[in-house]
N, C-alpha and C. Protein backbone atom coordinates (compact mmCIF):
# COMPACT_ATOMS: atom_id res chain seq x y z
N MET A 1 -6.40 49.14 -41.16
CA MET A 1 -7.07 49.80 -42.55
C MET A 1 -8.59 50.63 -42.02
N THR A 2 -8.38 51.54 -42.84
CA THR A 2 -10.14 51.96 -42.60
C THR A 2 -10.76 51.59 -43.51
N LEU A 3 -12.11 52.14 -43.40
CA LEU A 3 -12.72 52.00 -43.59
C LEU A 3 -13.91 52.39 -44.60
N ARG A 4 -13.72 53.55 -44.04
CA ARG A 4 -14.24 54.91 -44.08
C ARG A 4 -14.30 55.56 -45.65
N PRO A 5 -13.53 55.39 -46.89
CA PRO A 5 -13.85 55.57 -47.72
C PRO A 5 -14.69 54.76 -48.68
N LEU A 6 -14.64 53.33 -48.37
CA LEU A 6 -15.71 52.46 -49.24
C LEU A 6 -16.87 52.67 -48.37
N ILE A 7 -17.24 52.94 -47.22
CA ILE A 7 -18.63 53.72 -46.51
C ILE A 7 -18.93 54.64 -47.09
N VAL A 8 -18.21 55.72 -47.39
CA VAL A 8 -18.61 57.04 -48.11
C VAL A 8 -19.34 55.92 -49.31
N VAL A 9 -18.56 55.41 -50.18
CA VAL A 9 -19.01 54.97 -51.58
C VAL A 9 -20.72 54.53 -51.66
N LEU A 10 -20.27 53.32 -50.81
CA LEU A 10 -21.46 52.96 -50.75
C LEU A 10 -22.97 53.34 -50.01
N VAL A 11 -22.75 54.23 -48.96
CA VAL A 11 -23.95 55.04 -48.78
C VAL A 11 -24.74 55.77 -49.82
N LEU A 12 -23.55 56.73 -50.90
CA LEU A 12 -24.14 57.12 -51.79
C LEU A 12 -24.83 56.51 -53.05
N LEU A 13 -23.85 54.75 -52.74
CA LEU A 13 -24.91 54.13 -53.91
C LEU A 13 -26.00 53.55 -53.70
N LEU A 14 -26.40 53.19 -51.95
CA LEU A 14 -27.38 52.59 -51.25
C LEU A 14 -28.30 54.03 -50.95
N ALA A 15 -27.74 55.17 -50.95
CA ALA A 15 -28.98 56.12 -50.33
C ALA A 15 -30.61 55.68 -50.64
N SER A 16 -30.76 56.07 -52.17
CA SER A 16 -31.64 55.53 -52.39
C SER A 16 -32.15 54.23 -52.31
N CYS A 17 -31.78 53.66 -51.77
CA CYS A 17 -32.05 51.86 -52.04
C CYS A 17 -31.96 51.43 -50.62
N GLY A 18 -32.63 51.12 -49.88
CA GLY A 18 -32.64 49.98 -48.55
C GLY A 18 -33.73 49.34 -48.74
N ILE A 19 -33.95 48.97 -47.80
CA ILE A 19 -35.54 47.72 -47.35
C ILE A 19 -36.54 48.69 -47.01
N ALA A 20 -37.81 48.38 -47.66
CA ALA A 20 -38.87 48.83 -46.67
C ALA A 20 -39.56 47.40 -46.70
N ARG A 21 -40.43 47.45 -44.70
CA ARG A 21 -40.65 45.96 -45.14
C ARG A 21 -42.34 46.43 -45.64
N PRO A 22 -42.76 45.27 -45.87
CA PRO A 22 -44.42 45.39 -46.23
C PRO A 22 -45.28 45.39 -44.76
N PRO A 23 -46.06 45.75 -44.67
CA PRO A 23 -47.03 46.34 -43.64
C PRO A 23 -47.14 44.62 -42.87
N PRO A 24 -46.55 45.43 -41.58
CA PRO A 24 -46.51 44.65 -40.10
C PRO A 24 -48.12 43.84 -40.05
N MET A 25 -47.64 42.28 -40.01
CA MET A 25 -49.22 41.65 -39.76
C MET A 25 -49.59 42.20 -38.46
N ASN A 26 -49.41 42.15 -37.41
CA ASN A 26 -49.64 42.39 -36.37
C ASN A 26 -50.06 43.80 -35.89
N PRO A 27 -51.50 43.33 -34.99
CA PRO A 27 -52.65 44.80 -34.91
C PRO A 27 -51.63 45.44 -34.46
N GLN A 28 -50.79 45.83 -33.82
CA GLN A 28 -50.10 46.68 -33.00
C GLN A 28 -49.16 47.50 -33.68
N GLY A 29 -48.65 46.98 -35.13
CA GLY A 29 -48.41 47.99 -36.56
C GLY A 29 -46.94 47.99 -36.06
N GLU A 30 -46.43 46.75 -35.35
CA GLU A 30 -44.60 46.53 -35.19
C GLU A 30 -44.01 46.46 -36.25
N ASP A 31 -42.85 46.28 -36.91
CA ASP A 31 -42.09 45.07 -37.24
C ASP A 31 -42.29 44.24 -36.75
N ARG A 32 -41.66 43.38 -37.49
CA ARG A 32 -41.43 41.83 -37.01
C ARG A 32 -40.52 41.10 -37.71
N PHE A 33 -39.63 40.35 -36.95
CA PHE A 33 -38.64 39.38 -37.42
C PHE A 33 -38.98 38.48 -38.38
N GLU A 34 -39.69 37.68 -38.23
CA GLU A 34 -40.43 36.50 -38.78
C GLU A 34 -40.74 36.98 -39.90
N ASP A 35 -41.48 38.19 -40.24
CA ASP A 35 -42.22 38.53 -41.74
C ASP A 35 -40.53 39.24 -42.06
N ASP A 36 -39.61 39.96 -41.20
CA ASP A 36 -38.61 40.08 -42.34
C ASP A 36 -38.05 38.86 -43.30
N VAL A 37 -38.26 37.68 -41.92
CA VAL A 37 -37.36 36.21 -42.45
C VAL A 37 -38.28 35.88 -43.99
N ARG A 38 -38.91 35.59 -43.76
CA ARG A 38 -40.40 35.29 -45.18
C ARG A 38 -39.55 36.03 -45.84
N THR A 39 -40.09 36.92 -45.95
CA THR A 39 -40.07 38.36 -47.14
C THR A 39 -38.95 38.12 -48.01
N ALA A 40 -37.89 37.99 -47.05
CA ALA A 40 -36.47 37.69 -47.92
C ALA A 40 -36.25 36.31 -48.34
N ARG A 41 -36.70 36.07 -47.64
CA ARG A 41 -36.58 34.50 -48.29
C ARG A 41 -37.51 34.09 -50.02
N THR A 42 -38.96 34.39 -49.56
CA THR A 42 -39.59 34.61 -50.48
C THR A 42 -39.30 35.35 -51.98
N LEU A 43 -38.73 36.91 -51.46
CA LEU A 43 -38.06 37.33 -52.67
C LEU A 43 -37.21 37.34 -53.28
N THR A 44 -36.26 36.64 -52.97
CA THR A 44 -34.83 36.25 -52.85
C THR A 44 -34.92 34.83 -53.85
N GLU A 45 -35.55 33.81 -53.22
CA GLU A 45 -35.98 32.86 -54.78
C GLU A 45 -36.79 33.28 -55.72
N GLU A 46 -37.63 34.21 -55.73
CA GLU A 46 -38.65 34.64 -56.63
C GLU A 46 -37.17 35.29 -57.57
N PHE A 47 -36.71 36.28 -57.10
CA PHE A 47 -35.25 36.37 -57.59
C PHE A 47 -34.95 35.57 -59.13
N TRP A 48 -34.34 34.54 -57.89
CA TRP A 48 -33.62 33.61 -58.52
C TRP A 48 -34.31 32.68 -59.89
N LYS A 49 -35.29 32.78 -59.63
CA LYS A 49 -36.41 31.58 -60.04
C LYS A 49 -36.48 32.51 -61.36
N GLN A 50 -36.62 33.54 -61.72
CA GLN A 50 -36.83 34.14 -62.66
C GLN A 50 -35.68 34.90 -63.40
N GLN A 51 -34.64 34.44 -62.37
CA GLN A 51 -33.01 34.73 -63.38
C GLN A 51 -32.89 33.59 -64.42
N PHE A 52 -33.20 32.23 -63.51
CA PHE A 52 -32.65 30.79 -64.46
C PHE A 52 -33.81 30.55 -65.16
N ALA A 53 -34.94 31.46 -65.68
CA ALA A 53 -35.78 31.38 -66.39
C ALA A 53 -35.79 32.13 -67.57
N GLN A 54 -34.67 33.09 -67.52
CA GLN A 54 -34.42 34.07 -68.53
C GLN A 54 -33.15 33.20 -69.36
N LEU A 55 -32.52 32.49 -68.71
CA LEU A 55 -31.75 31.56 -69.22
C LEU A 55 -31.84 30.58 -69.81
N GLY A 56 -33.38 29.75 -69.51
CA GLY A 56 -33.59 28.81 -70.09
C GLY A 56 -33.96 27.85 -69.11
N GLU A 57 -33.12 27.72 -67.90
CA GLU A 57 -32.66 26.68 -67.23
C GLU A 57 -34.04 26.85 -65.80
N THR A 58 -34.15 26.01 -65.37
CA THR A 58 -35.45 25.39 -64.62
C THR A 58 -34.54 25.86 -62.90
N PHE A 59 -35.23 26.40 -62.02
CA PHE A 59 -34.76 26.53 -60.98
C PHE A 59 -35.06 25.88 -59.70
N ARG A 60 -34.26 25.27 -59.18
CA ARG A 60 -34.29 23.94 -57.79
C ARG A 60 -34.32 25.26 -56.40
N PRO A 61 -35.57 25.25 -56.61
CA PRO A 61 -35.96 25.73 -54.64
C PRO A 61 -35.15 24.88 -53.85
N ILE A 62 -34.52 25.84 -52.65
CA ILE A 62 -34.55 24.65 -51.34
C ILE A 62 -35.56 23.82 -50.74
N ALA A 63 -34.87 22.88 -50.42
CA ALA A 63 -35.69 21.57 -50.09
C ALA A 63 -35.98 21.97 -48.87
N ASP A 64 -35.41 23.01 -47.74
CA ASP A 64 -36.48 23.45 -46.40
C ASP A 64 -35.04 24.69 -46.01
N PHE A 65 -35.90 25.15 -44.65
CA PHE A 65 -35.52 26.61 -44.82
C PHE A 65 -35.86 26.07 -43.68
N VAL A 66 -34.73 26.11 -42.48
CA VAL A 66 -34.69 25.96 -41.10
C VAL A 66 -33.88 26.75 -39.85
N PRO A 67 -35.09 27.02 -39.03
CA PRO A 67 -34.80 27.92 -37.54
C PRO A 67 -33.65 26.92 -36.82
N TYR A 68 -33.01 27.07 -36.04
CA TYR A 68 -32.37 26.22 -34.88
C TYR A 68 -32.55 27.31 -33.69
N SER A 69 -31.73 26.52 -32.43
CA SER A 69 -31.23 26.93 -31.64
C SER A 69 -30.18 26.92 -30.82
N GLY A 70 -29.17 27.24 -30.83
CA GLY A 70 -27.87 26.93 -30.30
C GLY A 70 -27.08 25.88 -31.40
N ASP A 71 -27.24 24.37 -30.37
CA ASP A 71 -26.22 23.57 -31.02
C ASP A 71 -27.44 22.53 -31.23
N SER A 72 -28.59 22.67 -31.53
CA SER A 72 -29.66 21.77 -31.70
C SER A 72 -30.12 22.35 -33.32
N GLY A 73 -29.37 22.49 -34.23
CA GLY A 73 -29.65 22.53 -35.49
C GLY A 73 -29.46 21.58 -36.24
N PRO A 74 -29.45 21.75 -37.83
CA PRO A 74 -29.61 19.65 -38.40
C PRO A 74 -27.45 19.60 -38.86
N SER A 75 -27.95 18.27 -38.75
CA SER A 75 -26.19 18.32 -39.69
C SER A 75 -26.33 18.35 -40.70
N CYS A 76 -25.13 18.95 -41.29
CA CYS A 76 -24.63 18.68 -42.92
C CYS A 76 -23.81 17.58 -43.30
N GLY A 77 -24.04 16.70 -44.11
CA GLY A 77 -22.90 16.18 -43.91
C GLY A 77 -22.31 15.01 -43.08
N GLY A 78 -22.58 14.88 -42.29
CA GLY A 78 -22.19 14.66 -40.94
C GLY A 78 -21.54 15.53 -39.75
N GLN A 79 -21.42 17.12 -40.58
CA GLN A 79 -20.45 17.71 -39.39
C GLN A 79 -22.03 18.55 -38.85
N PRO A 80 -21.90 18.70 -37.52
CA PRO A 80 -22.92 19.16 -36.86
C PRO A 80 -22.61 21.16 -37.20
N SER A 81 -24.06 21.21 -36.82
CA SER A 81 -24.55 22.76 -37.20
C SER A 81 -23.91 23.55 -35.60
N VAL A 82 -23.57 24.90 -35.77
CA VAL A 82 -22.66 25.63 -34.49
C VAL A 82 -24.00 26.75 -34.43
N PRO A 83 -23.66 26.63 -32.92
CA PRO A 83 -24.60 28.22 -32.74
C PRO A 83 -23.73 29.48 -33.52
N ASN A 84 -25.07 30.51 -33.64
CA ASN A 84 -24.38 31.64 -33.98
C ASN A 84 -23.88 31.76 -35.66
N ASN A 85 -25.33 30.95 -36.64
CA ASN A 85 -24.08 31.06 -38.15
C ASN A 85 -25.55 30.75 -38.60
N ALA A 86 -25.62 31.13 -40.15
CA ALA A 86 -26.54 30.51 -40.79
C ALA A 86 -25.63 29.75 -41.44
N PHE A 87 -25.94 28.89 -42.60
CA PHE A 87 -25.42 28.12 -43.50
C PHE A 87 -26.34 27.70 -44.74
N TYR A 88 -25.83 27.58 -45.72
CA TYR A 88 -25.89 26.35 -46.69
C TYR A 88 -25.68 24.65 -46.70
N CYS A 89 -26.23 23.77 -47.23
CA CYS A 89 -25.88 22.63 -47.07
C CYS A 89 -26.44 21.75 -48.55
N PRO A 90 -25.48 21.96 -48.83
CA PRO A 90 -25.40 21.10 -50.70
C PRO A 90 -26.08 20.60 -50.57
N VAL A 91 -25.67 18.98 -48.82
CA VAL A 91 -26.36 17.55 -48.93
C VAL A 91 -27.80 17.96 -48.24
N GLY A 92 -28.41 18.09 -48.97
CA GLY A 92 -30.10 18.00 -48.51
C GLY A 92 -30.34 19.24 -48.63
N HIS A 93 -29.99 20.20 -49.65
CA HIS A 93 -29.63 21.27 -50.41
C HIS A 93 -31.19 22.47 -49.36
N PHE A 94 -30.36 22.68 -48.52
CA PHE A 94 -31.54 23.25 -47.28
C PHE A 94 -30.63 24.68 -46.75
N ILE A 95 -30.95 25.39 -46.58
CA ILE A 95 -30.55 26.30 -45.74
C ILE A 95 -31.07 26.55 -44.05
N ALA A 96 -30.39 26.52 -43.25
CA ALA A 96 -30.62 26.91 -41.51
C ALA A 96 -30.48 27.89 -41.05
N TYR A 97 -30.36 28.50 -39.84
CA TYR A 97 -29.97 29.47 -39.73
C TYR A 97 -30.29 29.52 -37.66
N ASP A 98 -29.50 30.01 -36.80
CA ASP A 98 -29.50 29.75 -35.90
C ASP A 98 -30.23 31.24 -34.92
N GLU A 99 -31.77 30.74 -35.02
CA GLU A 99 -33.29 32.26 -34.95
C GLU A 99 -32.23 33.27 -33.86
N ALA A 100 -32.31 32.50 -32.67
CA ALA A 100 -32.38 33.43 -31.78
C ALA A 100 -31.12 34.80 -32.20
N TRP A 101 -30.10 33.77 -32.70
CA TRP A 101 -28.93 34.66 -33.38
C TRP A 101 -28.80 35.79 -34.50
N MET A 102 -30.16 35.21 -35.07
CA MET A 102 -30.09 36.20 -36.34
C MET A 102 -31.39 37.14 -35.54
N GLU A 103 -32.23 36.62 -35.06
CA GLU A 103 -32.79 38.05 -34.46
C GLU A 103 -32.30 38.74 -33.92
N GLY A 104 -31.32 38.43 -32.81
CA GLY A 104 -30.56 39.26 -31.86
C GLY A 104 -29.55 40.05 -33.12
N LEU A 105 -29.00 39.90 -33.96
CA LEU A 105 -29.15 40.58 -35.04
C LEU A 105 -29.95 41.82 -35.67
N TRP A 106 -31.28 41.03 -35.92
CA TRP A 106 -31.72 41.98 -36.51
C TRP A 106 -32.41 43.40 -35.36
N ASN A 107 -32.13 42.71 -34.21
CA ASN A 107 -32.94 43.85 -32.91
C ASN A 107 -31.81 44.58 -32.62
N GLU A 108 -30.16 44.15 -32.83
CA GLU A 108 -29.24 45.20 -32.83
C GLU A 108 -29.17 46.10 -33.51
N MET A 109 -28.56 45.70 -35.09
CA MET A 109 -28.37 46.68 -36.43
C MET A 109 -29.67 46.91 -37.53
N GLY A 110 -30.79 46.20 -37.16
CA GLY A 110 -31.84 46.61 -37.83
C GLY A 110 -32.54 45.32 -39.14
N ASP A 111 -33.34 45.79 -39.70
CA ASP A 111 -33.56 44.52 -40.67
C ASP A 111 -32.76 44.20 -41.74
N GLY A 112 -31.55 45.30 -42.23
CA GLY A 112 -30.57 45.46 -43.00
C GLY A 112 -29.63 43.51 -42.91
N SER A 113 -29.91 43.19 -41.82
CA SER A 113 -28.61 42.22 -41.37
C SER A 113 -29.41 40.61 -41.83
N VAL A 114 -30.94 40.81 -41.80
CA VAL A 114 -31.86 40.01 -42.29
C VAL A 114 -31.58 39.82 -44.46
N TYR A 115 -31.97 40.65 -44.50
CA TYR A 115 -31.28 41.27 -46.25
C TYR A 115 -30.04 40.87 -46.64
N VAL A 116 -29.45 40.33 -45.71
CA VAL A 116 -27.72 40.62 -46.01
C VAL A 116 -27.60 38.59 -46.33
N ILE A 117 -28.15 38.29 -44.81
CA ILE A 117 -27.39 37.00 -44.88
C ILE A 117 -28.30 35.91 -45.29
N ILE A 118 -29.82 36.05 -45.27
CA ILE A 118 -30.80 35.20 -45.97
C ILE A 118 -29.81 35.44 -47.95
N PRO A 119 -30.02 36.10 -48.39
CA PRO A 119 -29.46 36.18 -50.26
C PRO A 119 -28.04 35.73 -50.28
N HIS A 120 -27.15 36.32 -48.70
CA HIS A 120 -25.69 35.77 -49.07
C HIS A 120 -26.08 33.83 -48.50
N GLU A 121 -26.86 32.97 -47.83
CA GLU A 121 -26.98 31.96 -48.03
C GLU A 121 -28.00 30.90 -49.21
N PHE A 122 -28.46 32.16 -50.16
CA PHE A 122 -28.84 31.49 -51.49
C PHE A 122 -27.70 31.71 -52.27
N GLY A 123 -27.30 32.56 -52.25
CA GLY A 123 -25.64 32.45 -53.31
C GLY A 123 -25.54 31.58 -53.15
N HIS A 124 -25.32 30.99 -52.15
CA HIS A 124 -24.42 29.69 -51.67
C HIS A 124 -25.13 28.26 -52.72
N SER A 125 -26.40 28.34 -52.12
CA SER A 125 -27.32 27.60 -52.85
C SER A 125 -27.35 27.62 -54.69
N ILE A 126 -26.98 28.79 -55.11
CA ILE A 126 -27.10 29.27 -56.43
C ILE A 126 -25.53 28.83 -56.61
N GLN A 127 -24.70 29.21 -56.26
CA GLN A 127 -23.66 28.10 -56.67
C GLN A 127 -23.04 26.64 -57.10
N ALA A 128 -24.25 25.93 -56.02
CA ALA A 128 -24.21 24.25 -55.87
C ALA A 128 -24.90 24.22 -57.05
N GLN A 129 -25.67 24.61 -57.34
CA GLN A 129 -26.91 24.14 -58.58
C GLN A 129 -25.98 24.45 -59.90
N LEU A 130 -25.20 25.59 -59.91
CA LEU A 130 -23.91 26.02 -60.87
C LEU A 130 -22.77 25.14 -61.10
N ARG A 131 -23.11 24.16 -60.13
CA ARG A 131 -21.64 23.95 -59.61
C ARG A 131 -19.96 24.34 -60.03
N SER A 132 -20.61 25.93 -59.22
CA SER A 132 -19.32 27.02 -59.52
C SER A 132 -18.01 26.21 -58.67
N ASP A 133 -16.77 26.52 -59.05
CA ASP A 133 -15.53 25.85 -58.43
C ASP A 133 -14.40 26.83 -58.37
N PHE A 134 -14.30 26.56 -57.23
CA PHE A 134 -13.15 27.60 -56.64
C PHE A 134 -12.04 27.27 -55.49
N GLN A 135 -11.06 27.88 -56.15
CA GLN A 135 -10.03 27.13 -55.27
C GLN A 135 -9.64 27.49 -53.54
N LEU A 136 -10.61 28.69 -53.42
CA LEU A 136 -10.45 28.99 -52.17
C LEU A 136 -11.57 28.86 -51.55
N ASN A 137 -11.66 29.27 -50.32
CA ASN A 137 -13.51 29.23 -49.81
C ASN A 137 -13.86 30.83 -49.90
N VAL A 138 -12.38 31.75 -49.60
CA VAL A 138 -12.56 33.01 -49.29
C VAL A 138 -13.94 33.17 -50.65
N GLN A 139 -12.77 32.68 -51.76
CA GLN A 139 -12.99 32.86 -53.19
C GLN A 139 -14.71 32.99 -53.20
N MET A 140 -15.27 31.66 -52.99
CA MET A 140 -16.66 31.19 -52.51
C MET A 140 -17.63 31.86 -52.19
N GLU A 141 -16.99 32.79 -50.88
CA GLU A 141 -17.72 33.40 -49.56
C GLU A 141 -17.98 34.83 -50.45
N LEU A 142 -17.41 35.84 -51.05
CA LEU A 142 -16.74 37.03 -51.72
C LEU A 142 -17.95 36.56 -52.86
N GLN A 143 -18.21 36.11 -53.64
CA GLN A 143 -19.13 35.82 -54.66
C GLN A 143 -20.49 35.62 -54.04
N ALA A 144 -20.85 35.14 -52.97
CA ALA A 144 -22.24 35.20 -52.02
C ALA A 144 -22.63 36.22 -51.72
N ASP A 145 -21.34 36.91 -51.99
CA ASP A 145 -21.60 38.72 -51.09
C ASP A 145 -22.51 39.32 -51.93
N CYS A 146 -21.42 38.99 -53.21
CA CYS A 146 -21.52 39.72 -54.40
C CYS A 146 -23.20 39.31 -54.86
N TYR A 147 -23.31 37.98 -55.00
CA TYR A 147 -24.74 37.70 -55.28
C TYR A 147 -26.06 38.32 -54.01
N ALA A 148 -25.78 38.42 -53.14
CA ALA A 148 -26.54 38.89 -52.25
C ALA A 148 -26.52 40.65 -52.50
N GLY A 149 -25.83 41.11 -53.16
CA GLY A 149 -25.79 42.93 -53.39
C GLY A 149 -26.83 43.10 -54.54
N GLY A 150 -26.52 41.75 -55.62
CA GLY A 150 -27.23 41.87 -57.46
C GLY A 150 -28.51 41.71 -56.52
N THR A 151 -28.85 40.25 -56.02
CA THR A 151 -30.26 40.66 -55.56
C THR A 151 -30.96 41.13 -55.02
N LEU A 152 -30.10 42.03 -54.08
CA LEU A 152 -30.84 43.17 -53.21
C LEU A 152 -31.30 44.28 -54.51
N SER A 153 -30.38 44.47 -55.20
CA SER A 153 -30.41 45.65 -56.54
C SER A 153 -31.40 44.92 -56.84
N ALA A 154 -31.80 44.29 -57.31
CA ALA A 154 -32.56 44.15 -58.26
C ALA A 154 -33.83 43.93 -57.86
N LEU A 155 -34.61 43.61 -56.27
CA LEU A 155 -35.35 43.84 -55.71
C LEU A 155 -35.86 45.06 -55.52
N VAL A 156 -34.60 46.13 -55.46
CA VAL A 156 -35.13 47.62 -55.09
C VAL A 156 -35.47 48.23 -56.32
N ASN A 157 -34.93 47.52 -57.36
CA ASN A 157 -35.15 48.61 -58.77
C ASN A 157 -36.98 48.23 -59.42
N SER A 158 -37.12 46.68 -59.12
CA SER A 158 -38.52 46.32 -59.08
C SER A 158 -39.18 46.37 -58.89
N GLY A 159 -39.01 47.54 -57.59
CA GLY A 159 -39.84 48.20 -56.05
C GLY A 159 -40.99 46.99 -55.79
N ALA A 160 -40.11 45.78 -55.27
CA ALA A 160 -40.58 44.72 -54.54
C ALA A 160 -40.02 44.81 -52.72
N LEU A 161 -38.66 46.04 -53.09
CA LEU A 161 -38.51 46.29 -51.39
C LEU A 161 -38.17 48.10 -52.12
N THR A 162 -38.38 49.23 -50.97
CA THR A 162 -38.13 50.41 -51.31
C THR A 162 -37.25 50.87 -50.08
N ALA A 163 -36.73 51.99 -49.97
CA ALA A 163 -35.76 52.88 -49.19
C ALA A 163 -36.80 52.97 -47.67
N GLN A 164 -35.84 53.14 -46.85
CA GLN A 164 -36.25 53.94 -45.46
C GLN A 164 -34.71 54.44 -45.08
N PRO A 165 -34.80 55.42 -44.34
CA PRO A 165 -33.78 55.87 -44.09
C PRO A 165 -32.84 55.16 -42.83
N GLY A 166 -32.04 54.73 -43.15
CA GLY A 166 -30.82 54.54 -42.30
C GLY A 166 -30.45 53.18 -43.17
N ASP A 167 -31.44 52.34 -43.66
CA ASP A 167 -31.20 51.11 -43.96
C ASP A 167 -29.73 50.88 -45.28
N GLU A 168 -29.43 51.19 -45.81
CA GLU A 168 -27.83 51.78 -46.43
C GLU A 168 -26.87 51.22 -44.63
N GLU A 169 -26.70 51.82 -43.51
CA GLU A 169 -25.99 51.74 -43.12
C GLU A 169 -26.22 50.47 -42.45
N GLU A 170 -27.25 49.79 -42.02
CA GLU A 170 -27.50 48.90 -41.52
C GLU A 170 -26.77 47.63 -42.12
N LEU A 171 -27.14 47.82 -43.88
CA LEU A 171 -26.45 47.18 -44.51
C LEU A 171 -25.05 46.70 -44.24
N LEU A 172 -23.99 48.00 -44.23
CA LEU A 172 -23.14 48.53 -44.32
C LEU A 172 -22.11 47.57 -42.72
N THR A 173 -23.43 47.72 -41.63
CA THR A 173 -22.49 47.85 -40.68
C THR A 173 -22.83 45.90 -40.99
N SER A 174 -24.23 45.57 -41.48
CA SER A 174 -24.00 43.94 -41.38
C SER A 174 -22.57 43.09 -42.21
N LEU A 175 -22.50 43.88 -43.27
CA LEU A 175 -21.13 43.56 -43.78
C LEU A 175 -19.45 43.13 -42.83
N ALA A 176 -19.51 44.54 -42.11
CA ALA A 176 -18.45 44.61 -41.85
C ALA A 176 -18.34 43.67 -39.98
N ALA A 177 -19.88 43.79 -39.73
CA ALA A 177 -19.55 42.43 -38.06
C ALA A 177 -18.86 41.40 -38.53
N ALA A 178 -19.53 40.85 -39.75
CA ALA A 178 -19.15 39.33 -40.31
C ALA A 178 -17.78 39.68 -41.05
N GLY A 179 -17.02 40.29 -40.70
CA GLY A 179 -15.44 40.64 -41.68
C GLY A 179 -14.36 39.72 -41.07
N ASP A 180 -13.38 39.26 -41.66
CA ASP A 180 -12.88 38.09 -41.08
C ASP A 180 -11.25 39.94 -40.91
N PRO A 181 -10.73 39.26 -39.11
CA PRO A 181 -10.25 40.31 -39.32
C PRO A 181 -8.78 40.75 -39.82
N THR A 182 -8.18 39.76 -40.43
CA THR A 182 -6.74 39.88 -41.56
C THR A 182 -7.37 39.11 -42.78
N ASP A 183 -6.51 39.76 -44.31
CA ASP A 183 -6.69 39.33 -45.30
C ASP A 183 -5.72 37.74 -44.95
N ASP A 184 -6.74 36.53 -44.83
CA ASP A 184 -5.57 35.38 -44.76
C ASP A 184 -6.00 34.42 -45.93
N TRP A 185 -6.07 35.22 -46.90
CA TRP A 185 -6.90 34.11 -47.91
C TRP A 185 -7.14 32.86 -47.96
N LEU A 186 -5.76 32.13 -47.77
CA LEU A 186 -5.58 30.46 -47.68
C LEU A 186 -5.91 30.02 -46.53
N ASN A 187 -6.58 30.07 -45.39
CA ASN A 187 -7.47 30.10 -44.00
C ASN A 187 -9.07 29.19 -45.02
N PRO A 188 -9.13 28.07 -44.93
CA PRO A 188 -10.05 27.25 -45.55
C PRO A 188 -11.28 27.87 -45.25
N ALA A 189 -11.43 28.58 -43.79
CA ALA A 189 -12.95 29.32 -42.97
C ALA A 189 -12.56 30.54 -43.65
N ALA A 190 -11.34 31.04 -44.24
CA ALA A 190 -11.65 32.41 -44.82
C ALA A 190 -13.09 33.30 -45.24
N HIS A 191 -13.71 34.18 -45.08
CA HIS A 191 -14.96 34.61 -45.75
C HIS A 191 -14.56 36.35 -46.37
N GLY A 192 -13.02 36.52 -46.27
CA GLY A 192 -12.93 37.96 -46.56
C GLY A 192 -12.87 38.96 -45.77
N THR A 193 -12.13 40.47 -45.17
CA THR A 193 -12.10 41.19 -44.47
C THR A 193 -13.57 42.02 -44.48
N ALA A 194 -13.73 43.05 -43.54
CA ALA A 194 -14.99 43.34 -43.90
C ALA A 194 -15.24 44.45 -45.25
N GLU A 195 -13.69 44.73 -45.40
CA GLU A 195 -13.67 46.07 -46.31
C GLU A 195 -13.95 44.57 -48.10
N GLN A 196 -13.15 43.86 -48.21
CA GLN A 196 -13.17 42.89 -49.33
C GLN A 196 -14.59 42.54 -49.21
N ARG A 197 -15.75 41.84 -48.31
CA ARG A 197 -17.21 41.66 -48.56
C ARG A 197 -17.96 43.03 -48.64
N GLN A 198 -17.96 44.08 -48.33
CA GLN A 198 -17.93 45.23 -48.61
C GLN A 198 -18.05 45.63 -49.96
N ALA A 199 -16.77 45.26 -50.68
CA ALA A 199 -16.54 45.76 -51.78
C ALA A 199 -17.37 44.72 -52.85
N SER A 200 -17.27 43.78 -52.40
CA SER A 200 -18.48 42.38 -53.70
C SER A 200 -19.14 42.84 -53.20
N PHE A 201 -20.18 43.00 -52.16
CA PHE A 201 -22.04 43.17 -52.14
C PHE A 201 -21.53 44.55 -53.38
N ALA A 202 -20.70 45.53 -53.38
CA ALA A 202 -21.05 46.75 -53.60
C ALA A 202 -21.21 46.97 -55.26
N ASN A 203 -20.14 45.58 -55.68
CA ASN A 203 -19.63 44.90 -57.26
C ASN A 203 -21.10 44.64 -57.53
N GLY A 204 -22.16 44.02 -56.64
CA GLY A 204 -23.34 43.03 -57.16
C GLY A 204 -23.74 44.08 -57.23
N TYR A 205 -24.27 44.93 -56.33
CA TYR A 205 -25.24 45.75 -56.47
C TYR A 205 -25.60 46.60 -57.38
N ARG A 206 -24.13 47.10 -57.83
CA ARG A 206 -23.81 47.99 -59.29
C ARG A 206 -23.75 47.54 -60.12
N GLY A 207 -22.86 46.24 -60.65
CA GLY A 207 -23.62 45.37 -62.10
C GLY A 207 -24.50 44.19 -62.16
N GLY A 208 -25.39 43.91 -60.74
CA GLY A 208 -26.12 42.80 -60.56
C GLY A 208 -25.81 41.67 -60.53
N VAL A 209 -26.18 40.62 -60.58
CA VAL A 209 -25.57 39.16 -60.35
C VAL A 209 -24.32 38.66 -61.86
N GLY A 210 -24.80 38.66 -62.75
CA GLY A 210 -24.24 39.08 -63.63
C GLY A 210 -22.63 39.30 -63.41
N ALA A 211 -22.48 40.58 -62.46
CA ALA A 211 -20.77 40.73 -62.52
C ALA A 211 -20.14 40.19 -61.94
N CYS A 212 -21.08 38.49 -61.32
CA CYS A 212 -20.11 38.38 -59.98
C CYS A 212 -19.60 37.16 -60.42
């Protein structure tokens, strides 16, 4: 399976719609991982708060946003957290992430990885609030990718985030790296292939979260 045609479409779609970080807070003027994590969380929550308000509903912010290291993360419903992961836990309504793992992606792939992972996990929190029902896990995961695309699109269009050269490639690389090796929809842990995840993200980016 080749990803090249879809990558070309998405690069054109996102060519002027990447991510620019706020001015760095450190005196050296360097970009910081911590700033991107904080910005991605804050803007994503604010976006969904506005979405719920437009529908006359009350958005329930997550109860906690927990960085952890390796296997020392919080449990969720009796299940231990695992290294190299980020997850939303409906029991406790919190998001947790392996900080060293996500910072490694940030260093290797760029800041786009943070702006895919965090909105994706918030997408799961939205599914919980909306009591969305899915027959297969892969359906839930692909909708969360779609929500991430719709969130990013709204933030770019509002001016909260702006373009920097190379950001679109970072987003595509992050999605491709997280794709399943095969199209096994019945696998209870399936997230979708790289191409499926990129397509779902693009669907949200083009049509907004309402298209998800």
